[in-house]
Amino acid sequence: MRLARGAADIPIRTGWVFYSPLRTQIIEFPTFVQTVKWTHDFAEGHAINEEMSFNTKEGMNIYADVSVSYAIDR
């Protein structure tokens, strides 16, 4: 199946498609679940310490590994 609104030679893909009469650029967004991690472990994510730190009201430092999973609705 092909698109019929000015981009007839572009196949339909999973994600969002925006049409504008002023521009011909097509931007694709992935719609599958993606996960972003900020961890202390160098084997996960990047080879630097990305853990997050928080301060309690008593002034104590708390360190946490945080991850977020998200998806863009179709």
C-alpha atoms as a PDB file:
ATOM      1  CA  MET A   1       0.000   0.000   0.000  1.00  0.00           C
ATOM      2  CA  ARG A   2       1.299   3.472  -0.846  1.00  0.00           C
ATOM      3  CA  LEU A   3       0.466   6.953   0.400  1.00  0.00           C
ATOM      4  CA  ALA A   4      -1.655   9.079  -1.901  1.00  0.00           C
ATOM      5  CA  ARG A   5      -1.253  12.616  -0.509  1.00  0.00           C
ATOM      6  CA  GLY A   6       1.733  13.950  -2.416  1.00  0.00           C
ATOM      7  CA  ALA A   7       4.176  11.284  -1.275  1.00  0.00           C
ATOM      8  CA  ALA A   8       2.952   8.478  -3.503  1.00  0.00           C
ATOM      9  CA  ASP A   9       6.377   6.835  -3.797  1.00  0.00           C
ATOM     10  CA  ILE A  10       6.857   6.410  -0.021  1.00  0.00           C
ATOM     11  CA  PRO A  11       5.576   3.185   1.590  1.00  0.00           C
ATOM     12  CA  ILE A  12       3.421   3.296   4.719  1.00  0.00           C
ATOM     13  CA  ARG A  13       5.503   2.580   7.820  1.00  0.00           C
ATOM     14  CA  THR A  14       4.857   2.171  11.515  1.00  0.00           C
ATOM     15  CA  GLY A  15       4.883   5.588  13.160  1.00  0.00           C
ATOM     16  CA  TRP A  16       3.553   9.083  12.627  1.00  0.00           C
ATOM     17  CA  VAL A  17       3.387  10.787   9.237  1.00  0.00           C
ATOM     18  CA  PHE A  18       2.861  14.555   8.977  1.00  0.00           C
ATOM     19  CA  TYR A  19       1.711  16.299   5.803  1.00  0.00           C
ATOM     20  CA  SER A  20       2.294  19.958   5.079  1.00  0.00           C
ATOM     21  CA  PRO A  21       1.705  21.761   1.798  1.00  0.00           C
ATOM     22  CA  LEU A  22       4.706  24.010   2.571  1.00  0.00           C
ATOM     23  CA  ARG A  23       7.350  21.302   3.091  1.00  0.00           C
ATOM     24  CA  THR A  24       8.157  17.941   1.577  1.00  0.00           C
ATOM     25  CA  GLN A  25      10.254  16.529   4.446  1.00  0.00           C
ATOM     26  CA  ILE A  26       8.971  13.288   6.006  1.00  0.00           C
ATOM     27  CA  ILE A  27       9.843  12.596   9.633  1.00  0.00           C
ATOM     28  CA  GLU A  28       9.411   9.062  11.000  1.00  0.00           C
ATOM     29  CA  PHE A  29       8.931   8.300  14.709  1.00  0.00           C
ATOM     30  CA  PRO A  30       9.363   4.789  16.105  1.00  0.00           C
ATOM     31  CA  THR A  31       6.244   3.540  17.908  1.00  0.00           C
ATOM     32  CA  PHE A  32       7.716   0.490  19.651  1.00  0.00           C
ATOM     33  CA  VAL A  33       8.593   0.583  23.364  1.00  0.00           C
ATOM     34  CA  GLN A  34      11.957   2.209  24.032  1.00  0.00           C
ATOM     35  CA  THR A  35      13.898   2.274  27.303  1.00  0.00           C
ATOM     36  CA  VAL A  36      16.335   4.916  28.534  1.00  0.00           C
ATOM     37  CA  LYS A  37      18.619   4.062  31.481  1.00  0.00           C
ATOM     38  CA  TRP A  38      20.698   6.199  33.825  1.00  0.00           C
ATOM     39  CA  THR A  39      22.795   3.751  35.882  1.00  0.00           C
ATOM     40  CA  HIS A  40      26.026   3.409  37.833  1.00  0.00           C
ATOM     41  CA  ASP A  41      26.876   0.179  35.976  1.00  0.00           C
ATOM     42  CA  PHE A  42      29.308   0.872  33.140  1.00  0.00           C
ATOM     43  CA  ALA A  43      28.027  -2.186  31.197  1.00  0.00           C
ATOM     44  CA  GLU A  44      24.534  -0.689  30.891  1.00  0.00           C
ATOM     45  CA  GLY A  45      24.048   2.322  28.683  1.00  0.00           C
ATOM     46  CA  HIS A  46      27.153   4.507  28.524  1.00  0.00           C
ATOM     47  CA  ALA A  47      30.637   3.916  29.928  1.00  0.00           C
ATOM     48  CA  ILE A  48      30.212   6.705  32.496  1.00  0.00           C
ATOM     49  CA  ASN A  49      28.361   6.936  35.800  1.00  0.00           C
ATOM     50  CA  GLU A  50      24.890   8.257  34.996  1.00  0.00           C
ATOM     51  CA  GLU A  51      23.091   7.402  38.250  1.00  0.00           C
ATOM     52  CA  MET A  52      20.917  10.163  39.675  1.00  0.00           C
ATOM     53  CA  SER A  53      21.450  11.645  43.119  1.00  0.00           C
ATOM     54  CA  PHE A  54      18.856  13.243  45.367  1.00  0.00           C
ATOM     55  CA  ASN A  55      19.084  15.075  48.686  1.00  0.00           C
ATOM     56  CA  THR A  56      16.672  14.460  51.532  1.00  0.00           C
ATOM     57  CA  LYS A  57      15.511  17.329  53.706  1.00  0.00           C
ATOM     58  CA  GLU A  58      18.008  16.126  56.335  1.00  0.00           C
ATOM     59  CA  GLY A  59      20.845  16.580  53.821  1.00  0.00           C
ATOM     60  CA  MET A  60      21.459  12.872  53.157  1.00  0.00           C
ATOM     61  CA  ASN A  61      22.517  11.928  49.612  1.00  0.00           C
ATOM     62  CA  ILE A  62      20.519   9.163  47.938  1.00  0.00           C
ATOM     63  CA  TYR A  63      21.726   7.579  44.691  1.00  0.00           C
ATOM     64  CA  ALA A  64      19.395   5.746  42.326  1.00  0.00           C
ATOM     65  CA  ASP A  65      19.565   3.887  39.026  1.00  0.00           C
ATOM     66  CA  VAL A  66      16.601   5.112  36.977  1.00  0.00           C
ATOM     67  CA  SER A  67      15.065   3.789  33.773  1.00  0.00           C
ATOM     68  CA  VAL A  68      12.094   5.000  31.737  1.00  0.00           C
ATOM     69  CA  SER A  69      10.196   2.927  29.178  1.00  0.00           C
ATOM     70  CA  TYR A  70       8.013   4.848  26.731  1.00  0.00           C
ATOM     71  CA  ALA A  71       6.204   4.513  23.426  1.00  0.00           C
ATOM     72  CA  ILE A  72       4.567   7.018  21.082  1.00  0.00           C
ATOM     73  CA  ASP A  73       0.901   6.272  20.331  1.00  0.00           C
ATOM     74  CA  ARG A  74       0.153   5.529  16.706  1.00  0.00           C
END
